[in-house]
Amino acid sequence: MIKARQYIQTGFSADDAEKLLSVMQPLIKKKEKVILDFSEIKIFTTLFFNNVLAKFLVEFGPERYNEMFEVNNLSDVGKNTYQHSIENAKEYYKMSQEQREAQENITADLDDD
């Protein structure tokens, strides 16, 4: 089990996600189950969950994701934020390649403004 608090103070930024990912990657490469304990962490953003977990749902699909990852001891805010991130990833996963490309083009256009 990975105790997130040993590596991050919050689940707020992409940097927080990178710190946790560096600990998760060896397990993922060995196809071992990743169990994350978020005890004592109270602040979360969807950006964090998108970068640390939801991207794997998109990569592996919901069934494999559920086999590979377990999330424990989230605060109420953390649960809601995690759920929002995962639901968005599930919707994205269901999209066709054309729909994904269209979505990415919209996002890229927004970034250019």
Protein backbone atom coordinates (compact mmCIF):
# COMPACT_ATOMS: atom_id res chain seq x y z
CA MET A 1 0.00 0.00 0.00
CA ILE A 2 1.23 3.46 -0.90
CA LYS A 3 0.59 6.01 1.84
CA ALA A 4 0.22 9.16 -0.22
CA ARG A 5 0.95 11.44 2.76
CA GLN A 6 4.56 10.20 2.77
CA TYR A 7 5.03 11.79 -0.67
CA ILE A 8 2.56 14.68 -0.92
CA GLN A 9 0.82 17.13 1.40
CA THR A 10 -2.14 17.78 -0.93
CA GLY A 11 -3.70 16.29 -4.03
CA PHE A 12 -3.77 19.69 -5.67
CA SER A 13 -1.32 20.06 -8.53
CA ALA A 14 0.24 18.23 -11.44
CA ASP A 15 3.47 18.29 -9.40
CA ASP A 16 1.71 16.41 -6.59
CA ALA A 17 0.52 13.88 -9.17
CA GLU A 18 4.05 13.47 -10.57
CA LYS A 19 5.46 12.79 -7.10
CA LEU A 20 2.89 10.07 -6.49
CA LEU A 21 3.24 8.65 -10.00
CA SER A 22 6.96 8.15 -9.47
CA VAL A 23 6.10 5.77 -6.63
CA MET A 24 3.25 4.09 -8.54
CA GLN A 25 5.10 3.48 -11.82
CA PRO A 26 7.19 0.48 -10.69
CA LEU A 27 4.02 -1.31 -9.57
CA ILE A 28 2.20 -0.45 -12.78
CA LYS A 29 5.12 -1.70 -14.90
CA LYS A 30 5.08 -5.00 -12.98
CA LYS A 31 1.27 -5.13 -13.41
CA GLU A 32 0.80 -5.21 -9.65
CA LYS A 33 -2.25 -3.75 -7.98
CA VAL A 34 -1.77 -0.14 -6.86
CA ILE A 35 -3.43 0.56 -3.50
CA LEU A 36 -3.39 4.22 -2.51
CA ASP A 37 -4.12 5.41 1.02
CA PHE A 38 -5.04 9.11 1.16
CA SER A 39 -5.32 9.36 4.96
CA GLU A 40 -4.61 12.86 6.31
CA ILE A 41 -4.87 14.53 2.89
CA LYS A 42 -7.79 16.94 2.69
CA ILE A 43 -7.26 19.10 -0.42
CA PHE A 44 -7.84 17.62 -3.89
CA THR A 45 -8.46 18.86 -7.42
CA THR A 46 -9.69 17.10 -10.53
CA LEU A 47 -6.38 18.11 -12.16
CA PHE A 48 -4.59 15.93 -9.60
CA PHE A 49 -6.86 12.91 -10.08
CA ASN A 50 -6.82 13.31 -13.88
CA ASN A 51 -3.02 13.12 -13.85
CA VAL A 52 -2.53 10.45 -11.22
CA LEU A 53 -5.40 8.02 -11.89
CA ALA A 54 -8.00 8.91 -14.54
CA LYS A 55 -5.44 8.76 -17.34
CA PHE A 56 -5.02 5.05 -16.58
CA LEU A 57 -8.75 4.47 -16.93
CA VAL A 58 -8.56 5.99 -20.41
CA GLU A 59 -5.45 3.94 -21.22
CA PHE A 60 -6.56 0.55 -19.84
CA GLY A 61 -10.36 0.79 -19.83
CA PRO A 62 -12.70 0.76 -16.83
CA GLU A 63 -12.58 -2.98 -16.14
CA ARG A 64 -8.79 -3.23 -16.08
CA TYR A 65 -8.55 0.06 -14.17
CA ASN A 66 -10.78 -1.37 -11.42
CA GLU A 67 -8.57 -4.45 -11.21
CA MET A 68 -5.34 -2.43 -11.06
CA PHE A 69 -6.19 0.46 -8.73
CA GLU A 70 -7.74 0.82 -5.29
CA VAL A 71 -8.25 4.16 -3.56
CA ASN A 72 -8.76 4.30 0.22
CA ASN A 73 -9.40 6.85 2.95
CA LEU A 74 -10.42 9.83 0.84
CA SER A 75 -12.01 12.78 2.61
CA ASP A 76 -15.55 13.68 1.52
CA VAL A 77 -14.14 16.35 -0.78
CA GLY A 78 -11.64 13.82 -2.10
CA LYS A 79 -14.36 11.26 -2.83
CA ASN A 80 -16.45 13.77 -4.76
CA THR A 81 -13.47 15.10 -6.69
CA TYR A 82 -12.18 11.60 -7.50
CA GLN A 83 -15.62 10.48 -8.64
CA HIS A 84 -15.96 13.52 -10.91
CA SER A 85 -12.56 12.84 -12.49
CA ILE A 86 -13.28 9.13 -13.00
CA GLU A 87 -16.74 9.76 -14.49
CA ASN A 88 -15.22 12.21 -16.98
CA ALA A 89 -12.56 9.64 -17.89
CA LYS A 90 -15.25 6.98 -18.45
CA GLU A 91 -17.12 9.32 -20.79
CA TYR A 92 -13.92 10.12 -22.68
CA TYR A 93 -13.08 6.39 -22.91
CA LYS A 94 -16.47 5.72 -24.56
CA MET A 95 -15.84 8.30 -27.30
CA SER A 96 -14.83 7.26 -30.79
CA GLN A 97 -11.43 8.35 -32.07
CA GLU A 98 -13.14 11.06 -34.14
CA GLN A 99 -14.98 12.38 -31.08
CA ARG A 100 -11.75 12.41 -29.07
CA GLU A 101 -9.94 14.35 -31.78
CA ALA A 102 -12.79 16.86 -32.01
CA GLN A 103 -12.72 17.29 -28.23
CA GLU A 104 -8.96 17.80 -28.26
CA ASN A 105 -9.26 20.38 -31.06
CA ILE A 106 -11.81 22.34 -29.03
CA THR A 107 -9.51 22.28 -26.02
CA ALA A 108 -6.51 23.32 -28.13
CA ASP A 109 -8.51 26.23 -29.59
CA LEU A 110 -9.36 27.40 -26.07
CA ASP A 111 -5.69 27.26 -25.10
CA ASP A 112 -4.78 29.46 -28.08
CA ASP A 113 -7.10 32.27 -26.96
